C-alpha atoms as a PDB file:
ATOM      1  CA  MET A   1      11.745 -11.308 -13.040  1.00  0.00           C
ATOM      2  CA  LYS A   2      11.517 -13.278  -9.773  1.00  0.00           C
ATOM      3  CA  GLN A   3      14.092 -10.955  -8.163  1.00  0.00           C
ATOM      4  CA  LEU A   4      11.585  -8.075  -8.254  1.00  0.00           C
ATOM      5  CA  ARG A   5      10.088  -9.112  -4.908  1.00  0.00           C
ATOM      6  CA  ALA A   6      13.500  -9.200  -3.212  1.00  0.00           C
ATOM      7  CA  ILE A   7      14.310  -5.738  -4.573  1.00  0.00           C
ATOM      8  CA  ARG A   8      10.963  -4.388  -3.369  1.00  0.00           C
ATOM      9  CA  ILE A   9      11.457  -5.841   0.116  1.00  0.00           C
ATOM     10  CA  LEU A  10      14.927  -4.311   0.333  1.00  0.00           C
ATOM     11  CA  PHE A  11      13.688  -0.847  -0.592  1.00  0.00           C
ATOM     12  CA  ALA A  12      10.686  -1.196   1.720  1.00  0.00           C
ATOM     13  CA  ALA A  13      12.949  -2.113   4.654  1.00  0.00           C
ATOM     14  CA  LEU A  14      15.254   0.847   3.982  1.00  0.00           C
ATOM     15  CA  PHE A  15      12.429   3.376   3.667  1.00  0.00           C
ATOM     16  CA  PHE A  16      10.557   2.013   6.683  1.00  0.00           C
ATOM     17  CA  ALA A  17      13.679   2.156   8.862  1.00  0.00           C
ATOM     18  CA  ALA A  18      14.407   5.695   7.649  1.00  0.00           C
ATOM     19  CA  CYS A  19      10.818   6.858   8.240  1.00  0.00           C
ATOM     20  CA  THR A  20      10.746   5.308  11.696  1.00  0.00           C
ATOM     21  CA  ALA A  21      14.021   6.996  12.628  1.00  0.00           C
ATOM     22  CA  CYS A  22      12.729  10.301  11.270  1.00  0.00           C
ATOM     23  CA  LEU A  23       9.465  10.136  13.199  1.00  0.00           C
ATOM     24  CA  VAL A  24      10.828   8.763  16.474  1.00  0.00           C
ATOM     25  CA  ILE A  25      14.178  10.596  16.646  1.00  0.00           C
ATOM     26  CA  GLY A  26      14.005  13.336  14.017  1.00  0.00           C
ATOM     27  CA  PRO A  27      15.056  14.037  10.413  1.00  0.00           C
ATOM     28  CA  HIS A  28      18.492  15.146  11.642  1.00  0.00           C
ATOM     29  CA  VAL A  29      19.443  11.583  12.639  1.00  0.00           C
ATOM     30  CA  HIS A  30      20.573  10.617   9.116  1.00  0.00           C
ATOM     31  CA  PRO A  31      20.325  12.022   5.562  1.00  0.00           C
ATOM     32  CA  MET A  32      18.257   8.972   4.567  1.00  0.00           C
ATOM     33  CA  ALA A  33      15.691   9.841   7.241  1.00  0.00           C
ATOM     34  CA  LYS A  34      15.320  13.336   5.841  1.00  0.00           C
ATOM     35  CA  ALA A  35      15.077  11.993   2.294  1.00  0.00           C
ATOM     36  CA  ALA A  36      12.430   9.445   3.292  1.00  0.00           C
ATOM     37  CA  GLN A  37      10.369  12.205   4.862  1.00  0.00           C
ATOM     38  CA  ALA A  38      10.741  14.432   1.793  1.00  0.00           C
ATOM     39  CA  LEU A  39       9.493  11.653  -0.509  1.00  0.00           C
ATOM     40  CA  GLN A  40       6.229  11.126   1.378  1.00  0.00           C
ATOM     41  CA  ILE A  41       2.937  12.287  -0.137  1.00  0.00           C
ATOM     42  CA  SER A  42       1.498  14.684   2.419  1.00  0.00           C
ATOM     43  CA  LEU A  43      -0.609  17.440   0.904  1.00  0.00           C
ATOM     44  CA  ALA A  44      -1.322  18.838   4.353  1.00  0.00           C
ATOM     45  CA  ALA A  45       2.371  19.554   4.932  1.00  0.00           C
ATOM     46  CA  SER A  46       3.150  22.400   2.508  1.00  0.00           C
ATOM     47  CA  SER A  47       2.929  23.511  -1.089  1.00  0.00           C
ATOM     48  CA  THR A  48       6.225  21.714  -1.790  1.00  0.00           C
ATOM     49  CA  ALA A  49       4.323  18.435  -1.414  1.00  0.00           C
ATOM     50  CA  LEU A  50       2.692  19.162  -4.782  1.00  0.00           C
ATOM     51  CA  GLY A  51       6.004  18.506  -6.528  1.00  0.00           C
ATOM     52  CA  VAL A  52       6.473  15.213  -4.673  1.00  0.00           C
ATOM     53  CA  THR A  53       2.899  14.223  -5.511  1.00  0.00           C
ATOM     54  CA  ALA A  54       3.468  15.008  -9.191  1.00  0.00           C
ATOM     55  CA  LEU A  55       6.623  12.882  -9.110  1.00  0.00           C
ATOM     56  CA  TRP A  56       4.775   9.881  -7.696  1.00  0.00           C
ATOM     57  CA  LEU A  57       1.929  10.308 -10.170  1.00  0.00           C
ATOM     58  CA  LEU A  58       4.500  10.083 -12.968  1.00  0.00           C
ATOM     59  CA  VAL A  59       6.210   7.052 -11.393  1.00  0.00           C
ATOM     60  CA  THR A  60       2.810   5.389 -10.954  1.00  0.00           C
ATOM     61  CA  PHE A  61       1.890   6.042 -14.583  1.00  0.00           C
ATOM     62  CA  LEU A  62       5.129   4.415 -15.718  1.00  0.00           C
ATOM     63  CA  PHE A  63       5.586   1.549 -13.248  1.00  0.00           C
ATOM     64  CA  GLY A  64       2.540   1.308 -10.993  1.00  0.00           C
ATOM     65  CA  ARG A  65       2.072   1.869  -7.269  1.00  0.00           C
ATOM     66  CA  ILE A  66       5.741   1.741  -6.283  1.00  0.00           C
ATOM     67  CA  TYR A  67       5.017   4.317  -3.577  1.00  0.00           C
ATOM     68  CA  CYS A  68       2.484   1.983  -1.950  1.00  0.00           C
ATOM     69  CA  ALA A  69       4.780  -1.020  -2.342  1.00  0.00           C
ATOM     70  CA  SER A  70       7.944   0.327  -0.735  1.00  0.00           C
ATOM     71  CA  VAL A  71       7.810   3.977   0.364  1.00  0.00           C
ATOM     72  CA  CYS A  72       4.572   4.463   2.306  1.00  0.00           C
ATOM     73  CA  PRO A  73       5.235   3.528   5.973  1.00  0.00           C
ATOM     74  CA  VAL A  74       1.644   2.413   6.546  1.00  0.00           C
ATOM     75  CA  GLY A  75       1.866   0.037   3.591  1.00  0.00           C
ATOM     76  CA  VAL A  76       5.046  -1.535   4.941  1.00  0.00           C
ATOM     77  CA  LEU A  77       3.514  -1.704   8.422  1.00  0.00           C
ATOM     78  CA  SER A  78       0.597  -3.602   6.898  1.00  0.00           C
ATOM     79  CA  ASP A  79       3.081  -6.027   5.360  1.00  0.00           C
ATOM     80  CA  LEU A  80       4.634  -6.637   8.782  1.00  0.00           C
ATOM     81  CA  PHE A  81       1.260  -7.593  10.252  1.00  0.00           C
ATOM     82  CA  LEU A  82       0.621  -9.753   7.202  1.00  0.00           C
ATOM     83  CA  GLY A  83       3.834 -11.559   8.120  1.00  0.00           C
ATOM     84  CA  ILE A  84       2.230 -12.436  11.466  1.00  0.00           C
ATOM     85  CA  ARG A  85      -0.755 -13.898   9.608  1.00  0.00           C
ATOM     86  CA  ARG A  86       1.516 -16.075   7.492  1.00  0.00           C
ATOM     87  CA  ALA A  87       3.511 -17.230  10.515  1.00  0.00           C
ATOM     88  CA  VAL A  88       0.416 -18.529  12.342  1.00  0.00           C
ATOM     89  CA  PRO A  89      -1.049 -21.639  10.646  1.00  0.00           C
ATOM     90  CA  ARG A  90      -4.586 -20.975  11.891  1.00  0.00           C
ATOM     91  CA  LEU A  91      -4.577 -17.507  10.357  1.00  0.00           C
ATOM     92  CA  ASN A  92      -2.681 -18.300   7.176  1.00  0.00           C
ATOM     93  CA  LEU A  93      -5.655 -19.101   4.966  1.00  0.00           C
ATOM     94  CA  PRO A  94      -5.460 -18.596   1.195  1.00  0.00           C
ATOM     95  CA  PHE A  95      -6.668 -15.252  -0.104  1.00  0.00           C
ATOM     96  CA  ARG A  96      -9.560 -15.124  -2.542  1.00  0.00           C
ATOM     97  CA  PHE A  97     -10.527 -12.520  -5.113  1.00  0.00           C
ATOM     98  CA  ARG A  98     -12.719  -9.697  -3.786  1.00  0.00           C
ATOM     99  CA  HIS A  99     -14.582  -7.160  -5.864  1.00  0.00           C
ATOM    100  CA  ARG A 100     -13.588  -3.521  -5.448  1.00  0.00           C
ATOM    101  CA  SER A 101     -15.596  -1.527  -2.914  1.00  0.00           C
ATOM    102  CA  ARG A 102     -16.571   2.155  -3.012  1.00  0.00           C
ATOM    103  CA  ILE A 103     -15.065   2.970   0.392  1.00  0.00           C
ATOM    104  CA  GLY A 104     -11.752   4.167  -1.027  1.00  0.00           C
ATOM    105  CA  ARG A 105     -13.450   6.362  -3.621  1.00  0.00           C
ATOM    106  CA  ASN A 106     -15.682   7.978  -0.998  1.00  0.00           C
ATOM    107  CA  LEU A 107     -12.735   8.618   1.327  1.00  0.00           C
ATOM    108  CA  LEU A 108     -10.793  10.079  -1.599  1.00  0.00           C
ATOM    109  CA  TRP A 109     -13.541  12.648  -2.129  1.00  0.00           C
ATOM    110  CA  ILE A 110     -13.507  13.497   1.591  1.00  0.00           C
ATOM    111  CA  TYR A 111      -9.714  13.816   1.473  1.00  0.00           C
ATOM    112  CA  VAL A 112      -9.699  16.054  -1.613  1.00  0.00           C
ATOM    113  CA  LEU A 113     -12.420  18.338  -0.237  1.00  0.00           C
ATOM    114  CA  SER A 114     -10.607  18.541   3.112  1.00  0.00           C
ATOM    115  CA  VAL A 115      -7.388  19.613   1.376  1.00  0.00           C
ATOM    116  CA  ILE A 116      -9.222  22.195  -0.781  1.00  0.00           C
ATOM    117  CA  PHE A 117     -11.176  23.729   2.092  1.00  0.00           C
ATOM    118  CA  GLY A 118      -8.364  23.473   4.623  1.00  0.00           C
ATOM    119  CA  ILE A 119     -10.045  20.969   6.970  1.00  0.00           C
ATOM    120  CA  SER A 120      -6.662  19.760   8.145  1.00  0.00           C
ATOM    121  CA  ILE A 121      -7.860  17.702  11.075  1.00  0.00           C
ATOM    122  CA  ILE A 122      -9.459  15.175   8.695  1.00  0.00           C
ATOM    123  CA  VAL A 123      -6.302  15.042   6.596  1.00  0.00           C
ATOM    124  CA  PHE A 124      -4.199  14.344   9.686  1.00  0.00           C
ATOM    125  CA  VAL A 125      -6.424  11.374  10.515  1.00  0.00           C
ATOM    126  CA  ILE A 126      -6.713   9.635   7.119  1.00  0.00           C
ATOM    127  CA  GLU A 127      -3.520  10.576   5.233  1.00  0.00           C
ATOM    128  CA  PRO A 128      -1.056   7.638   5.400  1.00  0.00           C
ATOM    129  CA  TYR A 129       2.072   9.547   6.414  1.00  0.00           C
ATOM    130  CA  ASN A 130       0.157  11.415   9.104  1.00  0.00           C
ATOM    131  CA  ILE A 131      -1.240   8.097  10.338  1.00  0.00           C
ATOM    132  CA  ALA A 132       2.381   6.992  10.728  1.00  0.00           C
ATOM    133  CA  ARG A 133       3.166  10.239  12.587  1.00  0.00           C
ATOM    134  CA  ASN A 134       0.296   9.655  15.010  1.00  0.00           C
ATOM    135  CA  ILE A 135       1.437   6.073  15.631  1.00  0.00           C
ATOM    136  CA  ALA A 136       5.048   7.155  16.182  1.00  0.00           C
ATOM    137  CA  ALA A 137       3.894   9.821  18.644  1.00  0.00           C
ATOM    138  CA  ALA A 138       3.537   7.124  21.293  1.00  0.00           C
ATOM    139  CA  ALA A 139       7.358   7.071  21.354  1.00  0.00           C
ATOM    140  CA  ASN A 140       7.906  10.741  20.490  1.00  0.00           C
ATOM    141  CA  PRO A 141       4.942  13.000  21.419  1.00  0.00           C
ATOM    142  CA  GLN A 142       6.846  16.072  20.217  1.00  0.00           C
ATOM    143  CA  ALA A 143       6.499  14.816  16.638  1.00  0.00           C
ATOM    144  CA  ILE A 144       2.828  15.820  16.605  1.00  0.00           C
ATOM    145  CA  GLY A 145       2.550  18.260  19.513  1.00  0.00           C
ATOM    146  CA  SER A 146       2.459  21.357  17.330  1.00  0.00           C
ATOM    147  CA  THR A 147       0.087  19.729  14.834  1.00  0.00           C
ATOM    148  CA  TRP A 148      -2.624  18.821  17.307  1.00  0.00           C
ATOM    149  CA  GLY A 149      -1.940  21.946  19.331  1.00  0.00           C
ATOM    150  CA  ALA A 150      -3.128  23.957  16.320  1.00  0.00           C
ATOM    151  CA  PHE A 151      -6.549  22.298  16.700  1.00  0.00           C
ATOM    152  CA  GLY A 152      -6.712  23.064  20.407  1.00  0.00           C
ATOM    153  CA  ARG A 153      -5.814  19.497  21.275  1.00  0.00           C
ATOM    154  CA  GLY A 154      -2.696  18.068  22.853  1.00  0.00           C
ATOM    155  CA  ALA A 155      -0.424  15.284  21.708  1.00  0.00           C
ATOM    156  CA  VAL A 156      -2.549  12.831  23.721  1.00  0.00           C
ATOM    157  CA  THR A 157      -5.302  13.174  21.120  1.00  0.00           C
ATOM    158  CA  GLY A 158      -2.909  12.333  18.306  1.00  0.00           C
ATOM    159  CA  ILE A 159      -1.460   9.398  20.255  1.00  0.00           C
ATOM    160  CA  ALA A 160      -4.953   8.004  20.915  1.00  0.00           C
ATOM    161  CA  ILE A 161      -5.849   8.291  17.226  1.00  0.00           C
ATOM    162  CA  GLY A 162      -2.520   6.688  16.347  1.00  0.00           C
ATOM    163  CA  ILE A 163      -3.172   3.709  18.639  1.00  0.00           C
ATOM    164  CA  LEU A 164      -6.652   3.224  17.164  1.00  0.00           C
ATOM    165  CA  SER A 165      -5.200   3.458  13.651  1.00  0.00           C
ATOM    166  CA  LEU A 166      -2.523   0.903  14.530  1.00  0.00           C
ATOM    167  CA  LEU A 167      -5.113  -1.534  15.883  1.00  0.00           C
ATOM    168  CA  PHE A 168      -7.280  -1.103  12.796  1.00  0.00           C
ATOM    169  CA  ILE A 169      -4.354  -1.653  10.418  1.00  0.00           C
ATOM    170  CA  ALA A 170      -3.230  -4.705  12.405  1.00  0.00           C
ATOM    171  CA  LEU A 171      -6.656  -6.362  12.381  1.00  0.00           C
ATOM    172  CA  SER A 172      -7.293  -5.439   8.746  1.00  0.00           C
ATOM    173  CA  SER A 173      -3.913  -6.784   7.631  1.00  0.00           C
ATOM    174  CA  ILE A 174      -4.222 -10.040   9.551  1.00  0.00           C
ATOM    175  CA  ARG A 175      -7.711 -10.657   8.156  1.00  0.00           C
ATOM    176  CA  HIS A 176      -7.448  -9.350   4.597  1.00  0.00           C
ATOM    177  CA  GLY A 177      -3.813  -8.498   3.844  1.00  0.00           C
ATOM    178  CA  ARG A 178      -3.292  -5.103   2.250  1.00  0.00           C
ATOM    179  CA  GLU A 179      -6.971  -4.190   2.601  1.00  0.00           C
ATOM    180  CA  PHE A 180      -6.173  -0.702   3.881  1.00  0.00           C
ATOM    181  CA  CYS A 181      -4.017   0.071   0.836  1.00  0.00           C
ATOM    182  CA  ALA A 182      -6.353  -1.530  -1.701  1.00  0.00           C
ATOM    183  CA  GLU A 183      -9.770  -0.525  -0.393  1.00  0.00           C
ATOM    184  CA  ILE A 184      -9.529   2.309   2.155  1.00  0.00           C
ATOM    185  CA  CYS A 185      -6.513   4.593   1.710  1.00  0.00           C
ATOM    186  CA  PRO A 186      -7.499   7.726  -0.276  1.00  0.00           C
ATOM    187  CA  LEU A 187      -4.010   8.167  -1.704  1.00  0.00           C
ATOM    188  CA  GLY A 188      -3.879   4.514  -2.701  1.00  0.00           C
ATOM    189  CA  THR A 189      -7.226   4.922  -4.449  1.00  0.00           C
ATOM    190  CA  ALA A 190      -5.972   7.994  -6.339  1.00  0.00           C
ATOM    191  CA  LEU A 191      -2.782   6.231  -7.394  1.00  0.00           C
ATOM    192  CA  GLY A 192      -4.901   3.230  -8.394  1.00  0.00           C
ATOM    193  CA  PHE A 193      -6.792   5.336 -10.931  1.00  0.00           C
ATOM    194  CA  VAL A 194      -3.457   6.310 -12.464  1.00  0.00           C
ATOM    195  CA  GLN A 195      -2.125   2.762 -12.299  1.00  0.00           C
ATOM    196  CA  ALA A 196      -5.092   1.511 -14.336  1.00  0.00           C
ATOM    197  CA  HIS A 197      -3.390   3.253 -17.297  1.00  0.00           C
ATOM    198  CA  ALA A 198       0.210   2.494 -16.292  1.00  0.00           C
ATOM    199  CA  ARG A 199       2.753   1.440 -18.897  1.00  0.00           C
ATOM    200  CA  MET A 200       3.862  -1.611 -16.880  1.00  0.00           C
ATOM    201  CA  HIS A 201       1.264  -4.213 -15.924  1.00  0.00           C
ATOM    202  CA  ILE A 202       0.914  -7.494 -14.086  1.00  0.00           C
ATOM    203  CA  GLU A 203      -0.232  -9.851 -16.837  1.00  0.00           C
ATOM    204  CA  PHE A 204      -1.096 -13.525 -17.256  1.00  0.00           C
ATOM    205  CA  ASP A 205       0.531 -15.549 -20.005  1.00  0.00           C
ATOM    206  CA  PRO A 206      -2.463 -17.707 -21.074  1.00  0.00           C
ATOM    207  CA  ASP A 207      -0.182 -20.194 -22.821  1.00  0.00           C
ATOM    208  CA  LYS A 208       1.684 -20.985 -19.588  1.00  0.00           C
ATOM    209  CA  CYS A 209      -0.974 -20.665 -16.879  1.00  0.00           C
ATOM    210  CA  ASP A 210      -2.380 -24.017 -15.701  1.00  0.00           C
ATOM    211  CA  SER A 211      -4.826 -22.499 -13.163  1.00  0.00           C
ATOM    212  CA  CYS A 212      -2.927 -23.779 -10.114  1.00  0.00           C
ATOM    213  CA  GLY A 213      -4.238 -20.769  -8.167  1.00  0.00           C
ATOM    214  CA  ILE A 214      -1.028 -20.005  -6.258  1.00  0.00           C
ATOM    215  CA  CYS A 215      -1.029 -16.366  -7.379  1.00  0.00           C
ATOM    216  CA  GLU A 216      -4.609 -15.854  -6.181  1.00  0.00           C
ATOM    217  CA  ASP A 217      -3.833 -17.569  -2.870  1.00  0.00           C
ATOM    218  CA  ARG A 218      -0.876 -15.239  -2.286  1.00  0.00           C
ATOM    219  CA  CYS A 219      -2.286 -11.932  -3.567  1.00  0.00           C
ATOM    220  CA  ARG A 220      -2.253  -9.606  -0.564  1.00  0.00           C
ATOM    221  CA  THR A 221      -4.739  -7.197  -2.172  1.00  0.00           C
ATOM    222  CA  GLN A 222      -7.068 -10.007  -3.298  1.00  0.00           C
ATOM    223  CA  SER A 223      -7.073  -8.566  -6.799  1.00  0.00           C
ATOM    224  CA  ILE A 224      -6.288 -11.724  -8.837  1.00  0.00           C
ATOM    225  CA  LYS A 225      -8.961 -14.003 -10.236  1.00  0.00           C
ATOM    226  CA  VAL A 226      -7.334 -17.049 -11.804  1.00  0.00           C
ATOM    227  CA  VAL A 227     -10.420 -18.517 -13.459  1.00  0.00           C
ATOM    228  CA  SER A 228     -10.699 -15.514 -15.782  1.00  0.00           C
ATOM    229  CA  ARG A 229      -6.975 -14.626 -15.851  1.00  0.00           C
ATOM    230  CA  TYR A 230      -7.846 -11.245 -14.344  1.00  0.00           C
ATOM    231  CA  VAL A 231      -5.719  -8.800 -12.346  1.00  0.00           C
ATOM    232  CA  ASP A 232      -7.391  -5.689 -10.908  1.00  0.00           C
ATOM    233  CA  GLN A 233      -4.744  -3.203 -11.990  1.00  0.00           C
ATOM    234  CA  GLN A 234      -6.136  -0.483  -9.737  1.00  0.00           C
ATOM    235  CA  ARG A 235      -5.771  -2.396  -6.466  1.00  0.00           C
ATOM    236  CA  CYS A 236      -2.472  -4.180  -7.148  1.00  0.00           C
ATOM    237  CA  VAL A 237       0.325  -2.707  -4.999  1.00  0.00           C
ATOM    238  CA  ARG A 238       3.205  -4.223  -6.963  1.00  0.00           C
ATOM    239  CA  CYS A 239       4.357  -6.552  -4.175  1.00  0.00           C
ATOM    240  CA  PHE A 240       5.405  -9.059  -6.880  1.00  0.00           C
ATOM    241  CA  ASP A 241       4.427 -12.088  -4.763  1.00  0.00           C
ATOM    242  CA  CYS A 242       2.512 -13.524  -7.707  1.00  0.00           C
ATOM    243  CA  VAL A 243       5.456 -13.026 -10.073  1.00  0.00           C
ATOM    244  CA  ALA A 244       7.915 -14.624  -7.653  1.00  0.00           C
ATOM    245  CA  ASP A 245       5.743 -17.579  -6.598  1.00  0.00           C
ATOM    246  CA  CYS A 246       4.268 -18.693  -9.930  1.00  0.00           C
ATOM    247  CA  PRO A 247       5.934 -22.077 -10.639  1.00  0.00           C
ATOM    248  CA  ARG A 248       5.440 -21.755 -14.406  1.00  0.00           C
ATOM    249  CA  GLY A 249       6.345 -18.087 -14.858  1.00  0.00           C
ATOM    250  CA  ALA A 250       2.821 -17.532 -16.159  1.00  0.00           C
ATOM    251  CA  ILE A 251       2.268 -14.153 -14.519  1.00  0.00           C
ATOM    252  CA  ARG A 252       4.671 -11.387 -15.397  1.00  0.00           C
ATOM    253  CA  TYR A 253       5.416  -7.701 -14.927  1.00  0.00           C
ATOM    254  CA  GLN A 254       5.573  -6.371 -18.464  1.00  0.00           C
ATOM    255  CA  ILE A 255       4.801  -3.439 -20.742  1.00  0.00           C
ATOM    256  CA  ASN A 256       2.544  -5.130 -23.264  1.00  0.00           C
ATOM    257  CA  ARG A 257      -0.929  -6.554 -22.748  1.00  0.00           C
ATOM    258  CA  ASN A 258      -1.660 -10.230 -23.326  1.00  0.00           C
ATOM    259  CA  ARG A 259      -4.780 -11.529 -24.952  1.00  0.00           C
ATOM    260  CA  PRO A 260      -7.363 -12.708 -22.429  1.00  0.00           C
ATOM    261  CA  ALA A 261      -7.683 -16.468 -22.323  1.00  0.00           C
ATOM    262  CA  SER A 262     -10.942 -18.372 -22.230  1.00  0.00           C
ATOM    263  CA  PRO A 263     -12.035 -19.045 -18.634  1.00  0.00           C
ATOM    264  CA  LEU A 264     -10.720 -22.379 -17.328  1.00  0.00           C
ATOM    265  CA  LEU A 265     -11.526 -24.403 -14.268  1.00  0.00           C
ATOM    266  CA  ARG A 266      -9.273 -23.922 -11.275  1.00  0.00           C
ATOM    267  CA  LYS A 267      -6.788 -26.763 -10.882  1.00  0.00           C
ATOM    268  CA  VAL A 268      -7.740 -29.176  -8.118  1.00  0.00           C
ATOM    269  CA  GLY A 269      -5.043 -30.774  -6.032  1.00  0.00           C
ATOM    270  CA  SER A 270      -2.228 -29.986  -3.645  1.00  0.00           C
ATOM    271  CA  LYS A 271      -0.183 -26.878  -4.137  1.00  0.00           C
END
């Protein structure tokens, strides 16, 4: 069970390297780069993206937000900035549970309506893979030249939006971890609705949990509340930090639901 995080990190590194190579050099650089591009959810790209989207909806229903955990380049980029937070003692404060906001739901409606009515410029600003394209354009302007040219704008516009997006993701990740994925991203919000009914869950074992709070401290989406043994299944991005770091094996990735335990006081003391 504790190896799940290592497996996720390995896949995330492979997909992020492949996506970066695809966006900066081109999909011809390696078959993995082309495959990584083909597996991205990008409804603005073409009708073939519907099949990829259906695939990820099925995967999410079975296993959860695996796409957000390892395949989405913006999600992995957020993890890299989170690594900076954890490397700097002044920034590396414990996370605390946060209630779900309505921002992601509102942006999801904007995204869906933009796709339906063909308002592509909005899609190219808020869709995760297109955010990655805009960021990568600083190194390869040709990657987005034709896209922004269709709106009567040059690659400079896309590069500027990419830089602003990168700064926002960096600040958001350093302050609140995977906030973009859990609270803002429209695709993450949509996958979260599916994940709420997924077959595999992150669950507390009430017989083993001693309320040490390590899982809540580490949760990069701030979706764990130890005192009530609660995991927000919509916001969880399946990073498996909680599963790997729990010293008692009291939080698990499993198919069955556990009975909720009576609320207990958080354990006081050193971790």
